Amino acid sequence: MSVRVRPTHCGLDAAVEVISGKWKVVILWALAGQSRRFGELKRLIPGVSEKVLFQHLRELEADGVVHRESHDAPVVRVEYSLTPRGSALNDALKPLGAWGREYLPERAEPVSEDA
């Protein structure tokens, strides 16, 4: 079940709809290869608010990309991991990351006050 309401027109449109949001690609990166607790994700993604992180995780879960598992031990513990669909999406994003590293404009050197 998806949280999306607008129809998609092609596969690329559908994929972009799933990863739309400032932090979703970074969340997918953080979950690559291992499950993580909410606090771990928060530490790995500086700048994201708890509200937005929670919202994005719920949307990714609804899209079948992230799995949420709750453990009822003495303390409730929730872990997030990628589903096979999420791992496949991460694999699809790797070439895009390689493109970004290759074509990312180099940061300009700080301008000295003497110049």
N, C-alpha and C. Protein backbone atom coordinates (compact mmCIF):
# COMPACT_ATOMS: atom_id res chain seq x y z
N MET A 1 0.85 -1.18 0.00
CA MET A 1 0.00 0.00 0.00
C MET A 1 0.89 1.24 0.00
N SER A 2 0.61 2.14 -0.86
CA SER A 2 1.40 3.36 -0.99
C SER A 2 0.64 4.55 -0.42
N VAL A 3 1.41 5.52 0.08
CA VAL A 3 0.80 6.74 0.58
C VAL A 3 0.57 7.74 -0.54
N ARG A 4 0.97 7.39 -1.74
CA ARG A 4 0.84 8.28 -2.88
C ARG A 4 -0.59 8.32 -3.38
N VAL A 5 -1.00 9.48 -3.84
CA VAL A 5 -2.36 9.59 -4.35
C VAL A 5 -2.40 9.94 -5.83
N ARG A 6 -1.35 10.55 -6.36
CA ARG A 6 -1.39 10.92 -7.76
C ARG A 6 -0.88 9.77 -8.61
N PRO A 7 -1.44 9.60 -9.80
CA PRO A 7 -1.00 8.51 -10.67
C PRO A 7 0.37 8.80 -11.25
N THR A 8 1.13 7.74 -11.47
CA THR A 8 2.44 7.90 -12.11
C THR A 8 2.30 7.57 -13.58
N HIS A 9 3.17 8.14 -14.38
CA HIS A 9 3.07 8.00 -15.83
C HIS A 9 4.11 7.06 -16.41
N CYS A 10 5.18 6.81 -15.66
CA CYS A 10 6.21 5.88 -16.13
C CYS A 10 6.98 5.37 -14.92
N GLY A 11 7.86 4.43 -15.15
CA GLY A 11 8.64 3.85 -14.06
C GLY A 11 9.51 4.86 -13.34
N LEU A 12 10.11 5.76 -14.09
CA LEU A 12 10.97 6.77 -13.48
C LEU A 12 10.15 7.71 -12.61
N ASP A 13 8.99 8.08 -13.06
CA ASP A 13 8.09 8.93 -12.28
C ASP A 13 7.73 8.24 -10.97
N ALA A 14 7.43 6.95 -11.02
CA ALA A 14 7.08 6.19 -9.82
C ALA A 14 8.26 6.13 -8.85
N ALA A 15 9.47 5.90 -9.37
CA ALA A 15 10.65 5.82 -8.51
C ALA A 15 10.93 7.15 -7.84
N VAL A 16 10.85 8.23 -8.60
CA VAL A 16 11.11 9.56 -8.05
C VAL A 16 10.05 9.90 -7.00
N GLU A 17 8.83 9.46 -7.22
CA GLU A 17 7.77 9.69 -6.24
C GLU A 17 8.09 9.02 -4.91
N VAL A 18 8.66 7.83 -4.95
CA VAL A 18 9.02 7.11 -3.72
C VAL A 18 10.15 7.80 -2.98
N ILE A 19 11.15 8.31 -3.70
CA ILE A 19 12.32 8.92 -3.03
C ILE A 19 12.19 10.42 -2.86
N SER A 20 11.03 10.99 -3.23
CA SER A 20 10.88 12.43 -3.08
C SER A 20 10.87 12.77 -1.60
N GLY A 21 11.54 13.82 -1.27
CA GLY A 21 11.69 14.23 0.12
C GLY A 21 13.17 14.45 0.38
N LYS A 22 13.48 15.44 1.13
CA LYS A 22 14.87 15.85 1.33
C LYS A 22 15.75 14.74 1.91
N TRP A 23 15.20 13.90 2.77
CA TRP A 23 16.04 12.96 3.52
C TRP A 23 15.89 11.50 3.10
N LYS A 24 14.99 11.17 2.21
CA LYS A 24 14.72 9.77 1.93
C LYS A 24 15.91 9.01 1.33
N VAL A 25 16.62 9.62 0.43
CA VAL A 25 17.78 8.94 -0.16
C VAL A 25 18.85 8.72 0.91
N VAL A 26 19.01 9.66 1.80
CA VAL A 26 20.00 9.52 2.88
C VAL A 26 19.55 8.42 3.84
N ILE A 27 18.26 8.31 4.10
CA ILE A 27 17.75 7.23 4.95
C ILE A 27 18.05 5.88 4.30
N LEU A 28 17.81 5.77 3.00
CA LEU A 28 18.10 4.52 2.30
C LEU A 28 19.59 4.19 2.39
N TRP A 29 20.44 5.19 2.24
CA TRP A 29 21.88 4.99 2.37
C TRP A 29 22.23 4.49 3.77
N ALA A 30 21.63 5.09 4.80
CA ALA A 30 21.94 4.72 6.18
C ALA A 30 21.49 3.31 6.52
N LEU A 31 20.46 2.83 5.84
CA LEU A 31 19.95 1.49 6.11
C LEU A 31 20.59 0.41 5.24
N ALA A 32 21.45 0.80 4.32
CA ALA A 32 22.09 -0.17 3.42
C ALA A 32 22.92 -1.16 4.23
N GLY A 33 22.58 -2.42 4.10
CA GLY A 33 23.39 -3.47 4.70
C GLY A 33 23.10 -3.79 6.16
N GLN A 34 22.32 -2.99 6.85
CA GLN A 34 22.03 -3.32 8.25
C GLN A 34 20.79 -2.59 8.74
N SER A 35 20.19 -3.19 9.77
CA SER A 35 19.04 -2.53 10.38
C SER A 35 19.55 -1.52 11.40
N ARG A 36 18.74 -0.52 11.63
CA ARG A 36 19.13 0.54 12.58
C ARG A 36 17.92 0.97 13.40
N ARG A 37 18.22 1.41 14.60
CA ARG A 37 17.19 1.98 15.45
C ARG A 37 17.01 3.45 15.10
N PHE A 38 15.89 4.02 15.53
CA PHE A 38 15.56 5.40 15.21
C PHE A 38 16.68 6.34 15.66
N GLY A 39 17.17 6.17 16.87
CA GLY A 39 18.23 7.04 17.40
C GLY A 39 19.50 6.98 16.57
N GLU A 40 19.84 5.78 16.09
CA GLU A 40 21.01 5.63 15.22
C GLU A 40 20.82 6.43 13.94
N LEU A 41 19.64 6.31 13.35
CA LEU A 41 19.36 7.05 12.12
C LEU A 41 19.44 8.55 12.37
N LYS A 42 18.91 8.99 13.48
CA LYS A 42 18.94 10.42 13.82
C LYS A 42 20.38 10.91 13.91
N ARG A 43 21.26 10.11 14.52
CA ARG A 43 22.68 10.51 14.64
C ARG A 43 23.40 10.48 13.29
N LEU A 44 23.03 9.53 12.44
CA LEU A 44 23.67 9.42 11.13
C LEU A 44 23.24 10.50 10.16
N ILE A 45 22.09 11.12 10.43
CA ILE A 45 21.54 12.11 9.50
C ILE A 45 21.40 13.44 10.24
N PRO A 46 22.50 14.14 10.46
CA PRO A 46 22.39 15.41 11.18
C PRO A 46 21.57 16.42 10.38
N GLY A 47 20.75 17.16 11.08
CA GLY A 47 19.94 18.17 10.43
C GLY A 47 18.50 17.77 10.22
N VAL A 48 18.19 16.48 10.27
CA VAL A 48 16.81 16.04 10.10
C VAL A 48 16.11 16.12 11.46
N SER A 49 14.89 16.62 11.45
CA SER A 49 14.13 16.66 12.70
C SER A 49 13.53 15.27 12.96
N GLU A 50 13.22 15.00 14.21
CA GLU A 50 12.60 13.72 14.55
C GLU A 50 11.27 13.54 13.82
N LYS A 51 10.51 14.62 13.74
CA LYS A 51 9.20 14.56 13.07
C LYS A 51 9.35 14.15 11.61
N VAL A 52 10.26 14.79 10.91
CA VAL A 52 10.45 14.50 9.48
C VAL A 52 11.03 13.11 9.29
N LEU A 53 11.98 12.72 10.13
CA LEU A 53 12.56 11.38 10.03
C LEU A 53 11.47 10.33 10.22
N PHE A 54 10.66 10.49 11.23
CA PHE A 54 9.56 9.56 11.49
C PHE A 54 8.59 9.52 10.30
N GLN A 55 8.25 10.70 9.78
CA GLN A 55 7.32 10.78 8.64
C GLN A 55 7.89 10.08 7.42
N HIS A 56 9.15 10.35 7.11
CA HIS A 56 9.78 9.72 5.93
C HIS A 56 9.87 8.20 6.11
N LEU A 57 10.20 7.75 7.32
CA LEU A 57 10.27 6.30 7.56
C LEU A 57 8.90 5.66 7.36
N ARG A 58 7.85 6.30 7.82
CA ARG A 58 6.49 5.78 7.64
C ARG A 58 6.12 5.73 6.16
N GLU A 59 6.48 6.77 5.40
CA GLU A 59 6.17 6.79 3.97
C GLU A 59 6.95 5.70 3.23
N LEU A 60 8.23 5.54 3.58
CA LEU A 60 9.03 4.49 2.94
C LEU A 60 8.50 3.11 3.31
N GLU A 61 8.02 2.96 4.53
CA GLU A 61 7.41 1.70 4.95
C GLU A 61 6.13 1.44 4.15
N ALA A 62 5.30 2.47 4.00
CA ALA A 62 4.05 2.33 3.24
C ALA A 62 4.31 1.99 1.78
N ASP A 63 5.44 2.45 1.25
CA ASP A 63 5.80 2.16 -0.14
C ASP A 63 6.51 0.82 -0.29
N GLY A 64 6.69 0.09 0.82
CA GLY A 64 7.29 -1.23 0.76
C GLY A 64 8.79 -1.23 0.62
N VAL A 65 9.42 -0.12 0.97
CA VAL A 65 10.86 0.02 0.82
C VAL A 65 11.59 -0.22 2.14
N VAL A 66 10.94 0.12 3.23
CA VAL A 66 11.53 -0.03 4.57
C VAL A 66 10.62 -0.94 5.39
N HIS A 67 11.26 -1.79 6.20
CA HIS A 67 10.55 -2.67 7.11
C HIS A 67 10.76 -2.17 8.53
N ARG A 68 9.68 -2.07 9.29
CA ARG A 68 9.73 -1.64 10.69
C ARG A 68 9.42 -2.84 11.55
N GLU A 69 10.32 -3.15 12.48
CA GLU A 69 10.11 -4.29 13.37
C GLU A 69 10.21 -3.83 14.80
N SER A 70 9.18 -4.16 15.58
CA SER A 70 9.12 -3.79 16.98
C SER A 70 9.41 -5.02 17.83
N HIS A 71 10.34 -4.88 18.76
CA HIS A 71 10.68 -5.96 19.69
C HIS A 71 10.16 -5.57 21.06
N ASP A 72 9.34 -6.42 21.64
CA ASP A 72 8.79 -6.15 22.96
C ASP A 72 9.63 -6.84 24.03
N ALA A 73 10.82 -6.36 24.21
CA ALA A 73 11.70 -6.85 25.27
C ALA A 73 11.35 -6.06 26.53
N PRO A 74 12.16 -6.11 27.55
CA PRO A 74 11.86 -5.27 28.72
C PRO A 74 11.63 -3.81 28.33
N VAL A 75 12.33 -3.38 27.29
CA VAL A 75 12.13 -2.03 26.75
C VAL A 75 11.74 -2.19 25.29
N VAL A 76 10.74 -1.47 24.85
CA VAL A 76 10.31 -1.56 23.45
C VAL A 76 11.42 -1.03 22.56
N ARG A 77 11.78 -1.83 21.58
CA ARG A 77 12.86 -1.46 20.66
C ARG A 77 12.33 -1.62 19.24
N VAL A 78 12.51 -0.58 18.44
CA VAL A 78 12.05 -0.60 17.05
C VAL A 78 13.28 -0.50 16.16
N GLU A 79 13.33 -1.39 15.17
CA GLU A 79 14.42 -1.37 14.21
C GLU A 79 13.85 -1.22 12.81
N TYR A 80 14.59 -0.49 11.99
CA TYR A 80 14.22 -0.28 10.60
C TYR A 80 15.27 -0.95 9.72
N SER A 81 14.82 -1.55 8.64
CA SER A 81 15.73 -2.18 7.68
C SER A 81 15.12 -2.04 6.29
N LEU A 82 15.94 -2.32 5.29
CA LEU A 82 15.45 -2.29 3.92
C LEU A 82 14.78 -3.60 3.57
N THR A 83 13.72 -3.51 2.83
CA THR A 83 13.09 -4.71 2.26
C THR A 83 13.88 -5.06 1.00
N PRO A 84 13.61 -6.21 0.40
CA PRO A 84 14.26 -6.50 -0.90
C PRO A 84 13.99 -5.39 -1.92
N ARG A 85 12.79 -4.83 -1.89
CA ARG A 85 12.46 -3.72 -2.80
C ARG A 85 13.34 -2.50 -2.49
N GLY A 86 13.58 -2.25 -1.20
CA GLY A 86 14.43 -1.13 -0.79
C GLY A 86 15.88 -1.34 -1.20
N SER A 87 16.36 -2.58 -1.07
CA SER A 87 17.73 -2.89 -1.51
C SER A 87 17.86 -2.70 -3.01
N ALA A 88 16.85 -3.11 -3.75
CA ALA A 88 16.87 -2.93 -5.20
C ALA A 88 16.86 -1.44 -5.56
N LEU A 89 16.12 -0.65 -4.80
CA LEU A 89 16.09 0.80 -5.04
C LEU A 89 17.46 1.40 -4.75
N ASN A 90 18.09 0.97 -3.66
CA ASN A 90 19.45 1.45 -3.35
C ASN A 90 20.41 1.10 -4.49
N ASP A 91 20.30 -0.12 -5.01
CA ASP A 91 21.16 -0.52 -6.14
C ASP A 91 20.91 0.37 -7.35
N ALA A 92 19.65 0.73 -7.57
CA ALA A 92 19.32 1.60 -8.70
C ALA A 92 19.86 3.01 -8.51
N LEU A 93 20.01 3.44 -7.25
CA LEU A 93 20.50 4.78 -6.97
C LEU A 93 22.03 4.89 -7.03
N LYS A 94 22.73 3.76 -6.98
CA LYS A 94 24.21 3.79 -7.00
C LYS A 94 24.77 4.52 -8.21
N PRO A 95 24.29 4.26 -9.44
CA PRO A 95 24.83 5.02 -10.58
C PRO A 95 24.57 6.52 -10.47
N LEU A 96 23.45 6.89 -9.88
CA LEU A 96 23.16 8.30 -9.68
C LEU A 96 24.16 8.92 -8.71
N GLY A 97 24.51 8.18 -7.65
CA GLY A 97 25.53 8.65 -6.71
C GLY A 97 26.89 8.78 -7.37
N ALA A 98 27.23 7.82 -8.22
CA ALA A 98 28.51 7.89 -8.94
C ALA A 98 28.53 9.11 -9.85
N TRP A 99 27.42 9.38 -10.52
CA TRP A 99 27.33 10.57 -11.37
C TRP A 99 27.54 11.82 -10.53
N GLY A 100 26.90 11.87 -9.37
CA GLY A 100 27.02 13.04 -8.50
C GLY A 100 28.45 13.27 -8.04
N ARG A 101 29.15 12.18 -7.68
CA ARG A 101 30.55 12.32 -7.25
C ARG A 101 31.43 12.80 -8.39
N GLU A 102 31.15 12.33 -9.60
CA GLU A 102 31.96 12.71 -10.75
C GLU A 102 31.72 14.16 -11.18
N TYR A 103 30.47 14.58 -11.16
CA TYR A 103 30.13 15.89 -11.70
C TYR A 103 29.82 16.94 -10.64
N LEU A 104 29.95 16.59 -9.37
CA LEU A 104 29.72 17.56 -8.31
C LEU A 104 30.71 18.70 -8.46
N PRO A 105 30.23 19.92 -8.54
CA PRO A 105 31.17 21.04 -8.68
C PRO A 105 32.08 21.11 -7.46
N GLU A 106 33.33 21.33 -7.72
CA GLU A 106 34.28 21.44 -6.61
C GLU A 106 33.95 22.70 -5.83
N ARG A 107 34.12 22.58 -4.54
CA ARG A 107 33.85 23.74 -3.68
C ARG A 107 34.89 24.81 -3.93
N ALA A 108 34.41 26.00 -3.99
CA ALA A 108 35.32 27.13 -4.23
C ALA A 108 36.18 27.35 -2.99
N GLU A 109 37.40 27.72 -3.21
CA GLU A 109 38.30 28.05 -2.11
C GLU A 109 37.83 29.32 -1.44
N PRO A 110 37.99 29.42 -0.11
CA PRO A 110 37.58 30.66 0.56
C PRO A 110 38.35 31.85 -0.01
N VAL A 111 37.66 32.93 -0.16
CA VAL A 111 38.27 34.15 -0.69
C VAL A 111 38.97 34.86 0.46
N SER A 112 40.26 35.18 0.26
CA SER A 112 40.97 35.88 1.31
C SER A 112 40.58 37.35 1.29
N GLU A 113 40.71 37.97 2.42
CA GLU A 113 40.32 39.38 2.51
C GLU A 113 41.30 40.27 1.75
N ASP A 114 42.49 39.75 1.45
CA ASP A 114 43.51 40.53 0.74
C ASP A 114 43.22 40.58 -0.75
N ALA A 115 42.45 39.65 -1.24
CA ALA A 115 42.21 39.57 -2.67
C ALA A 115 41.21 40.59 -3.15
